[in-house]
N, C-alpha and C. Protein backbone atom coordinates (compact mmCIF):
# COMPACT_ATOMS: atom_id res chain seq x y z
N MET A 1 -9.72 49.58 161.80
CA MET A 1 -9.82 49.07 160.26
C MET A 1 -8.29 48.65 159.97
N SER A 2 -7.57 48.69 160.44
CA SER A 2 -5.93 48.09 160.33
C SER A 2 -5.90 46.56 160.46
N THR A 3 -7.20 46.09 161.08
CA THR A 3 -7.14 44.63 160.94
C THR A 3 -7.78 44.14 160.06
N ALA A 4 -8.63 45.02 159.73
CA ALA A 4 -9.29 44.27 158.50
C ALA A 4 -8.44 44.56 157.37
N SER A 5 -7.81 45.81 157.37
CA SER A 5 -6.70 45.76 156.31
C SER A 5 -6.06 44.61 155.68
N GLU A 6 -5.18 44.17 157.29
CA GLU A 6 -4.23 43.31 157.47
C GLU A 6 -4.82 42.01 156.85
N LEU A 7 -6.00 41.86 156.77
CA LEU A 7 -6.61 40.60 156.69
C LEU A 7 -6.70 40.41 155.17
N ALA A 8 -7.42 41.70 154.61
CA ALA A 8 -7.62 41.69 153.07
C ALA A 8 -6.30 41.49 152.16
N CYS A 9 -5.22 42.27 152.81
CA CYS A 9 -4.25 41.98 151.85
C CYS A 9 -3.56 40.53 152.42
N THR A 10 -3.81 39.72 153.59
CA THR A 10 -3.18 38.91 153.34
C THR A 10 -3.99 37.79 152.93
N TYR A 11 -5.05 37.80 152.54
CA TYR A 11 -5.92 36.95 151.78
C TYR A 11 -5.84 37.18 150.11
N ALA A 12 -5.25 38.85 150.15
CA ALA A 12 -5.18 38.86 148.43
C ALA A 12 -3.78 38.41 148.11
N CYS A 13 -2.81 38.48 148.88
CA CYS A 13 -1.33 37.77 148.71
C CYS A 13 -1.69 36.37 148.46
N MET A 14 -2.33 35.56 149.31
CA MET A 14 -2.54 33.95 149.17
C MET A 14 -3.41 33.53 147.99
N LEU A 15 -4.40 34.41 147.60
CA LEU A 15 -5.10 34.53 146.04
C LEU A 15 -4.11 34.59 145.16
N LEU A 16 -3.42 35.75 145.26
CA LEU A 16 -2.40 35.79 143.91
C LEU A 16 -1.66 34.59 143.94
N HIS A 17 -0.70 34.04 144.85
CA HIS A 17 -0.12 33.47 144.79
C HIS A 17 -0.36 32.11 144.43
N ASP A 18 -1.81 31.32 145.15
CA ASP A 18 -2.25 30.35 144.70
C ASP A 18 -2.98 30.41 143.33
N GLU A 19 -3.09 31.48 142.41
CA GLU A 19 -3.33 31.38 140.95
C GLU A 19 -1.93 31.91 140.28
N GLY A 20 -0.66 31.85 140.70
CA GLY A 20 0.29 31.88 140.13
C GLY A 20 1.08 33.11 139.33
N ILE A 21 0.23 33.82 139.84
CA ILE A 21 0.41 35.62 139.74
C ILE A 21 1.00 36.11 140.82
N PRO A 22 1.96 36.91 139.99
CA PRO A 22 3.34 37.54 140.94
C PRO A 22 2.35 38.49 141.85
N VAL A 23 2.84 38.33 142.75
CA VAL A 23 2.25 39.36 144.31
C VAL A 23 3.35 40.87 144.22
N THR A 24 2.43 41.90 143.82
CA THR A 24 2.95 43.32 143.90
C THR A 24 1.83 43.87 144.44
N ALA A 25 2.51 44.90 144.84
CA ALA A 25 1.50 46.06 145.55
C ALA A 25 0.00 46.50 144.90
N GLU A 26 0.34 46.77 143.47
CA GLU A 26 -0.55 47.00 142.40
C GLU A 26 -1.56 45.79 142.53
N LYS A 27 -1.01 44.54 142.17
CA LYS A 27 -1.87 43.11 142.12
C LYS A 27 -2.96 43.26 143.50
N ILE A 28 -2.47 43.81 144.49
CA ILE A 28 -2.70 43.18 145.96
C ILE A 28 -4.29 44.44 146.07
N VAL A 29 -4.03 45.68 145.38
CA VAL A 29 -4.50 46.90 145.71
C VAL A 29 -5.79 46.32 144.47
N ALA A 30 -5.52 45.36 143.36
CA ALA A 30 -6.75 45.23 142.34
C ALA A 30 -7.26 44.14 143.21
N VAL A 31 -7.06 43.31 143.73
CA VAL A 31 -7.70 42.17 144.50
C VAL A 31 -8.62 42.73 145.39
N VAL A 32 -7.97 43.58 146.20
CA VAL A 32 -8.58 44.31 147.40
C VAL A 32 -10.14 45.03 146.75
N LYS A 33 -9.55 45.84 145.83
CA LYS A 33 -10.82 47.03 145.29
C LYS A 33 -11.87 46.10 144.85
N ALA A 34 -11.38 44.84 143.92
CA ALA A 34 -12.66 43.64 143.20
C ALA A 34 -13.22 43.02 144.21
N ALA A 35 -12.65 43.14 145.75
CA ALA A 35 -13.50 42.57 146.60
C ALA A 35 -14.01 43.53 147.64
N ASN A 36 -14.35 44.84 146.79
CA ASN A 36 -14.78 46.20 147.51
C ASN A 36 -14.63 45.99 148.96
N VAL A 37 -13.27 46.10 149.22
CA VAL A 37 -12.72 46.40 150.60
C VAL A 37 -11.95 47.31 150.98
N GLN A 38 -11.78 49.00 151.63
CA GLN A 38 -11.00 49.51 151.70
C GLN A 38 -9.54 49.41 152.57
N VAL A 39 -8.24 49.79 152.06
CA VAL A 39 -7.48 49.36 153.33
C VAL A 39 -6.67 50.50 152.94
N GLU A 40 -5.25 50.84 154.37
CA GLU A 40 -4.89 51.98 153.86
C GLU A 40 -3.91 51.96 152.99
N ALA A 41 -3.48 53.13 152.38
CA ALA A 41 -2.68 52.82 151.36
C ALA A 41 -1.29 52.25 151.17
N TYR A 42 -0.73 51.84 152.74
CA TYR A 42 0.54 51.57 152.66
C TYR A 42 0.52 50.65 152.78
N TRP A 43 -0.46 49.44 152.98
CA TRP A 43 -0.54 48.22 153.32
C TRP A 43 -0.22 47.14 152.50
N PRO A 44 -0.84 47.65 151.10
CA PRO A 44 -0.49 46.47 149.73
C PRO A 44 1.12 46.45 149.61
N GLY A 45 1.99 47.87 149.88
CA GLY A 45 3.14 47.74 149.63
C GLY A 45 3.95 46.85 150.80
N LEU A 46 3.54 47.18 151.68
CA LEU A 46 4.28 46.37 152.80
C LEU A 46 4.02 44.96 152.76
N PHE A 47 3.04 44.18 152.37
CA PHE A 47 2.75 42.81 152.23
C PHE A 47 3.51 42.50 150.69
N ALA A 48 3.96 43.46 149.76
CA ALA A 48 4.10 42.86 148.83
C ALA A 48 5.70 42.96 148.98
N LYS A 49 6.17 43.80 149.96
CA LYS A 49 7.73 43.61 150.15
C LYS A 49 8.20 42.40 151.07
N LEU A 50 6.87 42.19 152.18
CA LEU A 50 7.32 40.63 153.01
C LEU A 50 7.32 39.58 152.11
N VAL A 51 6.47 39.47 151.30
CA VAL A 51 6.35 38.18 149.99
C VAL A 51 7.66 38.14 149.27
N GLN A 52 8.25 39.63 148.91
CA GLN A 52 9.65 39.18 148.14
C GLN A 52 10.77 38.70 149.02
N LYS A 53 10.68 38.81 150.35
CA LYS A 53 11.97 38.57 151.30
C LYS A 53 11.71 37.04 151.81
N LYS A 54 9.84 36.90 151.89
CA LYS A 54 9.68 35.35 152.30
C LYS A 54 8.88 34.49 151.66
N ASN A 55 8.66 33.36 151.99
CA ASN A 55 7.97 32.31 150.57
C ASN A 55 6.79 32.29 151.67
N ILE A 56 6.04 32.43 150.75
CA ILE A 56 4.86 32.29 151.12
C ILE A 56 3.82 30.58 151.77
N GLU A 57 4.56 30.07 150.87
CA GLU A 57 4.05 28.47 151.15
C GLU A 57 4.92 28.14 152.61
N ASP A 58 6.06 28.61 152.71
CA ASP A 58 6.67 28.31 154.52
C ASP A 58 5.96 29.37 155.28
N MET A 59 5.09 30.76 154.83
CA MET A 59 4.50 31.31 156.01
C MET A 59 3.44 30.72 156.15
N ILE A 60 3.03 30.03 155.17
CA ILE A 60 1.55 29.20 155.80
C ILE A 60 1.50 28.08 156.28
N MET A 61 2.56 27.29 156.06
CA MET A 61 2.98 25.73 156.85
C MET A 61 3.32 26.01 158.02
N ASN A 62 4.19 27.28 158.65
CA ASN A 62 4.57 27.49 160.05
C ASN A 62 3.80 28.46 160.62
N GLY A 63 3.14 29.59 160.17
CA GLY A 63 2.37 30.00 160.86
C GLY A 63 3.23 31.19 161.32
N SER A 64 3.16 31.50 162.07
CA SER A 64 3.52 33.14 163.18
C SER A 64 4.86 32.22 163.62
N SER A 65 5.76 33.17 164.09
CA SER A 65 7.37 32.73 164.63
C SER A 65 6.91 32.59 166.00
N GLY A 66 5.71 33.42 166.91
CA GLY A 66 5.62 33.20 167.93
C GLY A 66 4.74 32.58 169.01
N GLY A 67 4.98 31.61 169.52
CA GLY A 67 4.33 31.19 170.21
C GLY A 67 2.83 30.40 170.07
N GLY A 68 2.59 29.70 168.43
CA GLY A 68 1.39 28.98 168.18
C GLY A 68 0.73 28.01 168.59
N GLY A 69 0.99 27.60 170.03
CA GLY A 69 0.54 26.55 169.84
C GLY A 69 -1.02 26.44 170.90
N ALA A 70 -1.51 27.54 171.11
CA ALA A 70 -3.19 27.73 171.79
C ALA A 70 -4.26 26.97 170.33
N PRO A 71 -4.02 27.72 169.39
CA PRO A 71 -5.05 27.13 168.35
C PRO A 71 -5.06 25.83 167.43
N VAL A 72 -3.66 25.25 167.93
CA VAL A 72 -3.60 23.69 167.48
C VAL A 72 -4.52 23.05 168.57
N ALA A 73 -4.23 23.61 169.63
CA ALA A 73 -5.01 22.39 171.18
C ALA A 73 -6.38 22.55 170.80
N VAL A 74 -7.16 23.96 170.53
CA VAL A 74 -8.08 24.32 170.06
C VAL A 74 -9.03 23.92 168.94
N ALA A 75 -8.32 23.46 168.17
CA ALA A 75 -8.50 23.00 166.92
C ALA A 75 -8.91 21.42 167.06
N ALA A 76 -7.57 20.85 167.98
CA ALA A 76 -7.69 19.62 168.19
C ALA A 76 -9.05 19.20 169.23
N SER A 77 -9.41 20.10 169.79
CA SER A 77 -10.45 19.73 170.87
C SER A 77 -11.52 19.71 170.33
N VAL A 78 -11.94 20.61 169.45
CA VAL A 78 -13.11 20.73 168.57
C VAL A 78 -13.33 19.47 167.91
N ALA A 79 -12.11 19.09 166.89
CA ALA A 79 -12.36 18.11 166.48
C ALA A 79 -12.68 16.54 167.26
N VAL A 80 -12.35 16.60 168.63
CA VAL A 80 -12.53 15.51 169.21
C VAL A 80 -13.79 15.48 169.57
N ALA A 81 -14.46 16.60 169.99
CA ALA A 81 -15.59 17.07 170.71
C ALA A 81 -16.98 17.04 169.44
N ALA A 82 -16.76 16.99 168.25
CA ALA A 82 -17.56 16.84 167.24
C ALA A 82 -17.51 16.06 165.78
N PRO A 83 -17.55 14.77 166.45
CA PRO A 83 -17.10 13.95 165.28
C PRO A 83 -18.67 13.91 164.46
N GLU A 84 -19.90 13.78 165.28
CA GLU A 84 -21.11 13.27 164.66
C GLU A 84 -21.37 14.68 163.69
N ALA A 85 -21.03 15.75 164.18
CA ALA A 85 -21.37 17.07 163.27
C ALA A 85 -20.59 16.93 161.83
N GLU A 86 -19.59 16.50 162.06
CA GLU A 86 -18.79 16.13 160.71
C GLU A 86 -19.42 15.11 159.92
N GLU A 87 -20.43 14.02 160.44
CA GLU A 87 -21.09 12.93 159.48
C GLU A 87 -21.77 13.73 158.83
N LYS A 88 -22.80 14.49 159.12
CA LYS A 88 -23.97 14.85 158.88
C LYS A 88 -23.69 15.99 157.76
N LYS A 89 -22.41 16.64 157.57
CA LYS A 89 -22.37 17.59 156.81
C LYS A 89 -22.51 17.62 155.25
N GLU A 90 -22.87 17.93 154.35
CA GLU A 90 -22.94 18.02 153.08
C GLU A 90 -21.75 18.50 152.47
N GLU A 91 -21.51 17.39 151.34
CA GLU A 91 -20.27 18.00 150.23
C GLU A 91 -20.77 19.54 149.54
N PRO A 92 -20.15 20.74 149.79
CA PRO A 92 -20.26 21.90 149.18
C PRO A 92 -19.96 21.19 147.40
N THR A 93 -20.75 22.08 147.00
CA THR A 93 -20.55 21.91 145.13
C THR A 93 -19.42 22.88 144.71
N GLU A 94 -18.47 22.41 144.28
CA GLU A 94 -17.15 23.39 143.61
C GLU A 94 -17.81 24.13 142.50
N GLU A 95 -17.34 25.58 142.49
CA GLU A 95 -17.30 26.08 141.75
C GLU A 95 -16.50 26.78 140.76
N SER A 96 -16.60 26.60 139.59
CA SER A 96 -15.12 26.75 138.58
C SER A 96 -14.66 28.24 138.95
N ASP A 97 -13.17 28.14 138.94
CA ASP A 97 -12.70 29.30 138.95
C ASP A 97 -12.66 30.19 137.68
N ASP A 98 -13.08 29.56 136.61
CA ASP A 98 -13.11 30.56 135.29
C ASP A 98 -14.24 31.34 135.44
N GLU A 99 -15.58 30.71 136.23
CA GLU A 99 -16.61 31.49 136.24
C GLU A 99 -16.31 32.63 137.25
N SER A 100 -15.87 32.71 137.98
CA SER A 100 -15.41 33.85 138.92
C SER A 100 -15.23 35.51 138.45
N PRO A 101 -15.91 36.39 138.63
CA PRO A 101 -15.81 37.54 138.13
C PRO A 101 -14.38 38.40 138.69
N LEU A 102 -13.98 37.42 140.13
CA LEU A 102 -12.73 38.39 140.58
C LEU A 102 -11.45 38.06 139.69
N PHE A 103 -11.44 37.06 138.98
CA PHE A 103 -10.53 36.44 138.25
C PHE A 103 -10.52 37.16 136.84
N ASP A 104 -11.79 38.09 136.36
CA ASP A 104 -11.53 38.92 135.24
C ASP A 104 -10.57 40.07 135.56
N ILE A 105 -10.46 40.54 136.64
CA ILE A 105 -9.25 41.63 136.70
C ILE A 105 -7.84 41.51 136.27
N PHE A 106 -7.56 40.56 135.89
CA PHE A 106 -6.36 39.73 135.68
C PHE A 106 -6.56 39.51 134.04
N SER A 107 -7.43 39.52 133.74
CA SER A 107 -7.40 39.05 131.89
C SER A 107 -6.64 40.24 131.25
């Protein structure tokens, strides 16, 4: 469950940051609860402390500090191998953020 907890907290941090909401342990807990995901109690606090010390945008752009070459190589090979699948893909319809019940928890 630890990996799922980390992933849920990661997404919660990115969501809060993207919406311009300060990333705190309480806000992370609120997002995770709204998503109906259970996390260990210590994860939101750890993620909130990390976000206070690091810039989220830098972490997103740079990824992890250790060896990250493989995902780029895999992504490049997939992009080269499937050009026709991309042509057939339909445009997804965008939903307004205002309609999402997730954002009601911050109102």
